C-alpha atoms as a PDB file:
ATOM      1  CA  MET A   1      51.769 -17.769  71.829  1.00  0.00           C
ATOM      2  CA  GLU A   2      49.453 -15.453  69.938  1.00  0.00           C
ATOM      3  CA  LEU A   3      46.154 -14.091  71.393  1.00  0.00           C
ATOM      4  CA  ALA A   4      43.759 -11.994  69.452  1.00  0.00           C
ATOM      5  CA  LEU A   5      41.910  -9.515  71.650  1.00  0.00           C
ATOM      6  CA  GLU A   6      39.454  -6.825  70.714  1.00  0.00           C
ATOM      7  CA  ARG A   7      41.938  -4.385  68.994  1.00  0.00           C
ATOM      8  CA  LEU A   8      45.306  -5.772  70.023  1.00  0.00           C
ATOM      9  CA  THR A   9      47.208  -8.862  69.667  1.00  0.00           C
ATOM     10  CA  LEU A  10      49.416 -10.434  72.499  1.00  0.00           C
ATOM     11  CA  ARG A  11      52.267 -12.588  70.850  1.00  0.00           C
ATOM     12  CA  SER A  12      55.596 -13.851  71.298  1.00  0.00           C
ATOM     13  CA  TRP A  13      58.562 -11.515  71.090  1.00  0.00           C
ATOM     14  CA  ARG A  14      60.623 -11.801  67.874  1.00  0.00           C
ATOM     15  CA  PRO A  15      64.338 -10.578  67.391  1.00  0.00           C
ATOM     16  CA  ASP A  16      63.114  -7.968  64.752  1.00  0.00           C
ATOM     17  CA  ASP A  17      61.000  -6.247  67.556  1.00  0.00           C
ATOM     18  CA  ALA A  18      64.049  -4.989  69.401  1.00  0.00           C
ATOM     19  CA  PRO A  19      64.446  -1.495  67.546  1.00  0.00           C
ATOM     20  CA  VAL A  20      60.902  -0.698  68.307  1.00  0.00           C
ATOM     21  CA  ILE A  21      60.959  -1.740  71.946  1.00  0.00           C
ATOM     22  CA  ALA A  22      64.264   0.101  72.386  1.00  0.00           C
ATOM     23  CA  SER A  23      62.658   3.276  70.999  1.00  0.00           C
ATOM     24  CA  LEU A  24      59.594   3.144  73.062  1.00  0.00           C
ATOM     25  CA  LEU A  25      61.234   2.145  76.364  1.00  0.00           C
ATOM     26  CA  ASN A  26      63.873   4.651  76.284  1.00  0.00           C
ATOM     27  CA  ASN A  27      61.541   7.105  77.714  1.00  0.00           C
ATOM     28  CA  TYR A  28      61.816   8.587  81.396  1.00  0.00           C
ATOM     29  CA  ASN A  29      58.091   8.954  81.564  1.00  0.00           C
ATOM     30  CA  ILE A  30      57.641   4.954  81.386  1.00  0.00           C
ATOM     31  CA  TRP A  31      60.775   4.030  83.314  1.00  0.00           C
ATOM     32  CA  GLN A  32      59.828   6.035  86.521  1.00  0.00           C
ATOM     33  CA  TYR A  33      56.952   3.549  87.204  1.00  0.00           C
ATOM     34  CA  THR A  34      58.818   0.408  86.232  1.00  0.00           C
ATOM     35  CA  SER A  35      61.132  -2.017  88.447  1.00  0.00           C
ATOM     36  CA  ASP A  36      64.757  -1.181  88.153  1.00  0.00           C
ATOM     37  CA  ARG A  37      65.404  -4.453  85.976  1.00  0.00           C
ATOM     38  CA  ILE A  38      64.512  -2.231  83.152  1.00  0.00           C
ATOM     39  CA  PRO A  39      67.687   0.204  82.685  1.00  0.00           C
ATOM     40  CA  HIS A  40      67.525   3.771  81.853  1.00  0.00           C
ATOM     41  CA  PRO A  41      68.527   4.847  79.343  1.00  0.00           C
ATOM     42  CA  TYR A  42      67.292   1.945  77.383  1.00  0.00           C
ATOM     43  CA  ALA A  43      69.471   0.841  74.386  1.00  0.00           C
ATOM     44  CA  LEU A  44      69.104  -1.503  71.498  1.00  0.00           C
ATOM     45  CA  ALA A  45      71.231  -3.984  73.231  1.00  0.00           C
ATOM     46  CA  ASP A  46      69.027  -3.934  76.346  1.00  0.00           C
ATOM     47  CA  ALA A  47      66.046  -4.755  74.054  1.00  0.00           C
ATOM     48  CA  GLU A  48      67.944  -7.534  72.224  1.00  0.00           C
ATOM     49  CA  ALA A  49      68.957  -9.197  75.548  1.00  0.00           C
ATOM     50  CA  PHE A  50      65.591  -8.803  76.884  1.00  0.00           C
ATOM     51  CA  ILE A  51      64.176 -10.625  73.807  1.00  0.00           C
ATOM     52  CA  ALA A  52      66.779 -13.293  73.832  1.00  0.00           C
ATOM     53  CA  ARG A  53      65.953 -14.059  77.505  1.00  0.00           C
ATOM     54  CA  THR A  54      62.309 -14.129  76.739  1.00  0.00           C
ATOM     55  CA  MET A  55      62.588 -16.420  73.995  1.00  0.00           C
ATOM     56  CA  ALA A  56      64.635 -18.705  75.959  1.00  0.00           C
ATOM     57  CA  THR A  57      62.204 -18.964  79.062  1.00  0.00           C
ATOM     58  CA  GLU A  58      59.892 -22.011  79.186  1.00  0.00           C
ATOM     59  CA  PRO A  59      56.875 -21.610  79.813  1.00  0.00           C
ATOM     60  CA  GLU A  60      56.731 -18.439  77.829  1.00  0.00           C
ATOM     61  CA  CYS A  61      55.446 -15.667  80.203  1.00  0.00           C
ATOM     62  CA  ASN A  62      56.340 -12.237  78.501  1.00  0.00           C
ATOM     63  CA  PHE A  63      54.623 -11.177  75.515  1.00  0.00           C
ATOM     64  CA  ALA A  64      54.513  -8.183  73.074  1.00  0.00           C
ATOM     65  CA  ILE A  65      51.448  -6.036  73.059  1.00  0.00           C
ATOM     66  CA  THR A  66      50.918  -5.343  69.385  1.00  0.00           C
ATOM     67  CA  LEU A  67      48.672  -3.191  67.305  1.00  0.00           C
ATOM     68  CA  ASP A  68      48.584  -4.143  63.507  1.00  0.00           C
ATOM     69  CA  ASP A  69      51.495  -6.496  64.448  1.00  0.00           C
ATOM     70  CA  GLN A  70      53.749  -3.634  65.662  1.00  0.00           C
ATOM     71  CA  PRO A  71      54.813  -3.728  69.342  1.00  0.00           C
ATOM     72  CA  ILE A  72      53.408  -0.992  71.465  1.00  0.00           C
ATOM     73  CA  GLY A  73      54.367  -2.494  74.936  1.00  0.00           C
ATOM     74  CA  SER A  74      54.998  -5.324  76.847  1.00  0.00           C
ATOM     75  CA  ILE A  75      52.955  -7.576  79.313  1.00  0.00           C
ATOM     76  CA  GLY A  76      54.076 -10.535  81.366  1.00  0.00           C
ATOM     77  CA  TYR A  77      53.879 -12.462  84.388  1.00  0.00           C
ATOM     78  CA  THR A  78      56.301 -14.117  87.011  1.00  0.00           C
ATOM     79  CA  GLN A  79      55.163 -17.235  88.793  1.00  0.00           C
ATOM     80  CA  LYS A  80      56.068 -17.735  92.224  1.00  0.00           C
ATOM     81  CA  ALA A  81      57.625 -20.903  93.472  1.00  0.00           C
ATOM     82  CA  ASP A  82      57.125 -23.498  96.292  1.00  0.00           C
ATOM     83  CA  ILE A  83      53.711 -23.539  98.018  1.00  0.00           C
ATOM     84  CA  SER A  84      52.940 -20.018  96.274  1.00  0.00           C
ATOM     85  CA  ARG A  85      53.313 -21.603  92.814  1.00  0.00           C
ATOM     86  CA  ILE A  86      49.711 -21.062  92.149  1.00  0.00           C
ATOM     87  CA  VAL A  87      50.415 -17.059  92.403  1.00  0.00           C
ATOM     88  CA  ALA A  88      51.985 -14.944  89.604  1.00  0.00           C
ATOM     89  CA  GLU A  89      52.778 -11.285  89.535  1.00  0.00           C
ATOM     90  CA  LEU A  90      51.653  -9.284  86.496  1.00  0.00           C
ATOM     91  CA  GLY A  91      53.534  -6.541  85.063  1.00  0.00           C
ATOM     92  CA  TYR A  92      53.276  -4.320  81.903  1.00  0.00           C
ATOM     93  CA  TRP A  93      54.445  -1.140  80.227  1.00  0.00           C
ATOM     94  CA  LEU A  94      52.882   0.698  77.217  1.00  0.00           C
ATOM     95  CA  GLY A  95      54.727   3.108  74.888  1.00  0.00           C
ATOM     96  CA  GLU A  96      53.677   6.637  75.717  1.00  0.00           C
ATOM     97  CA  PRO A  97      52.156   7.415  72.299  1.00  0.00           C
ATOM     98  CA  TYR A  98      49.664   4.541  73.122  1.00  0.00           C
ATOM     99  CA  TRP A  99      48.497   5.890  76.575  1.00  0.00           C
ATOM    100  CA  GLY A 100      44.845   6.823  77.256  1.00  0.00           C
ATOM    101  CA  LYS A 101      43.385   4.564  74.558  1.00  0.00           C
ATOM    102  CA  GLY A 102      42.378   1.697  76.809  1.00  0.00           C
ATOM    103  CA  TYR A 103      45.126  -0.620  75.514  1.00  0.00           C
ATOM    104  CA  ALA A 104      46.732  -1.361  78.774  1.00  0.00           C
ATOM    105  CA  THR A 105      43.319  -2.437  80.239  1.00  0.00           C
ATOM    106  CA  GLU A 106      42.682  -4.539  77.265  1.00  0.00           C
ATOM    107  CA  ALA A 107      45.961  -6.337  77.270  1.00  0.00           C
ATOM    108  CA  ALA A 108      45.861  -7.011  81.078  1.00  0.00           C
ATOM    109  CA  ARG A 109      42.206  -8.235  80.852  1.00  0.00           C
ATOM    110  CA  GLY A 110      43.165 -10.538  78.004  1.00  0.00           C
ATOM    111  CA  LEU A 111      46.314 -11.963  79.631  1.00  0.00           C
ATOM    112  CA  CYS A 112      44.636 -12.721  82.750  1.00  0.00           C
ATOM    113  CA  GLU A 113      41.821 -14.651  81.272  1.00  0.00           C
ATOM    114  CA  TRP A 114      44.423 -16.627  79.044  1.00  0.00           C
ATOM    115  CA  ILE A 115      46.473 -17.272  82.307  1.00  0.00           C
ATOM    116  CA  PHE A 116      43.520 -18.603  84.211  1.00  0.00           C
ATOM    117  CA  ALA A 117      42.452 -20.771  81.262  1.00  0.00           C
ATOM    118  CA  ASN A 118      46.080 -22.027  80.423  1.00  0.00           C
ATOM    119  CA  ARG A 119      48.302 -22.083  83.528  1.00  0.00           C
ATOM    120  CA  GLU A 120      47.896 -23.550  87.012  1.00  0.00           C
ATOM    121  CA  ILE A 121      47.714 -20.067  88.493  1.00  0.00           C
ATOM    122  CA  TRP A 122      44.788 -19.241  90.862  1.00  0.00           C
ATOM    123  CA  ARG A 123      45.820 -15.632  91.972  1.00  0.00           C
ATOM    124  CA  LEU A 124      47.500 -12.817  90.157  1.00  0.00           C
ATOM    125  CA  GLU A 125      49.019  -9.799  91.892  1.00  0.00           C
ATOM    126  CA  ALA A 126      49.992  -6.627  90.611  1.00  0.00           C
ATOM    127  CA  ILE A 127      52.061  -3.896  92.534  1.00  0.00           C
ATOM    128  CA  VAL A 128      51.670  -0.293  91.570  1.00  0.00           C
ATOM    129  CA  PHE A 129      53.474   2.964  92.914  1.00  0.00           C
ATOM    130  CA  THR A 130      50.851   5.062  94.878  1.00  0.00           C
ATOM    131  CA  HIS A 131      51.896   8.054  92.965  1.00  0.00           C
ATOM    132  CA  HIS A 132      50.532   6.264  89.579  1.00  0.00           C
ATOM    133  CA  PRO A 133      46.981   6.301  89.792  1.00  0.00           C
ATOM    134  CA  VAL A 134      46.649   5.825  85.987  1.00  0.00           C
ATOM    135  CA  SER A 135      48.158   2.254  86.508  1.00  0.00           C
ATOM    136  CA  ARG A 136      45.692   1.781  89.352  1.00  0.00           C
ATOM    137  CA  ARG A 137      42.704   2.484  87.066  1.00  0.00           C
ATOM    138  CA  VAL A 138      44.043  -0.162  84.598  1.00  0.00           C
ATOM    139  CA  LEU A 139      44.160  -2.810  87.105  1.00  0.00           C
ATOM    140  CA  GLU A 140      40.794  -1.972  88.530  1.00  0.00           C
ATOM    141  CA  LYS A 141      39.255  -1.965  84.768  1.00  0.00           C
ATOM    142  CA  ALA A 142      40.903  -5.424  84.291  1.00  0.00           C
ATOM    143  CA  GLY A 143      39.243  -6.818  87.260  1.00  0.00           C
ATOM    144  CA  PHE A 144      41.858  -6.549  89.995  1.00  0.00           C
ATOM    145  CA  THR A 145      40.938  -5.514  93.559  1.00  0.00           C
ATOM    146  CA  LEU A 146      43.055  -3.445  95.842  1.00  0.00           C
ATOM    147  CA  THR A 147      44.269  -5.502  98.865  1.00  0.00           C
ATOM    148  CA  HIS A 148      46.187  -2.834 100.590  1.00  0.00           C
ATOM    149  CA  THR A 149      48.805  -0.164 100.682  1.00  0.00           C
ATOM    150  CA  ALA A 150      52.297  -1.217 101.468  1.00  0.00           C
ATOM    151  CA  ARG A 151      53.933   1.579 103.157  1.00  0.00           C
ATOM    152  CA  LYS A 152      57.675   2.349 102.390  1.00  0.00           C
ATOM    153  CA  SER A 153      57.923  -0.932 100.402  1.00  0.00           C
ATOM    154  CA  ALA A 154      60.148   0.296  97.432  1.00  0.00           C
ATOM    155  CA  ILE A 155      62.867   2.655  96.529  1.00  0.00           C
ATOM    156  CA  LYS A 156      63.045   4.343  93.054  1.00  0.00           C
ATOM    157  CA  GLU A 157      65.527   7.042  92.188  1.00  0.00           C
ATOM    158  CA  GLY A 158      66.496   7.148  95.747  1.00  0.00           C
ATOM    159  CA  VAL A 159      63.134   8.008  96.932  1.00  0.00           C
ATOM    160  CA  ILE A 160      61.298   5.617  99.470  1.00  0.00           C
ATOM    161  CA  ARG A 161      57.854   4.929  98.044  1.00  0.00           C
ATOM    162  CA  ASP A 162      54.552   3.394  98.915  1.00  0.00           C
ATOM    163  CA  GLU A 163      53.079   0.727  96.750  1.00  0.00           C
ATOM    164  CA  TRP A 164      49.400  -0.648  96.103  1.00  0.00           C
ATOM    165  CA  LEU A 165      49.038  -4.354  96.070  1.00  0.00           C
ATOM    166  CA  PHE A 166      46.351  -5.508  93.745  1.00  0.00           C
ATOM    167  CA  GLU A 167      44.847  -9.064  93.288  1.00  0.00           C
ATOM    168  CA  ARG A 168      42.678 -11.136  90.814  1.00  0.00           C
ATOM    169  CA  VAL A 169      41.543 -14.463  91.647  1.00  0.00           C
ATOM    170  CA  ARG A 170      40.450 -17.229  89.483  1.00  0.00           C
ATOM    171  CA  GLU A 171      36.949 -17.998  90.103  1.00  0.00           C
ATOM    172  CA  SER A 172      36.769 -21.858  89.207  1.00  0.00           C
END
């Protein structure tokens, strides 16, 4: 997949992206807000394994966020199953040098529109730690609405955390 946005392109991961992704994601400032599926420290072997898994997944659901064809982050979705198969959870991260430029919002908005146009998904959800208001703002600018605060719903670094649950629904 390749989706051209205003300044960015969302595209399929390639094996030669591994060194860049490892360099960007081996960063505590990113990791502290992600799920524990992402290890820390993050090594080249972790990036290679992630890209191999992503390339083997059908349908493709994880994409490189690129600027001038260089990865600056990742965005993807996980579709639920059974009667909830019309729902997916959105997730993303952006390399720290690229924070504060609107790239995460542009990528999230673009992928949401692509998902609604190309997949049988009617509801997108996103979950954000309540101590990460920047990600909350990204989602709001990408058309998501806060549905509720889930109290004591996650654990990260041994600390019980609250999370915000956001939704964006397909209109037609």
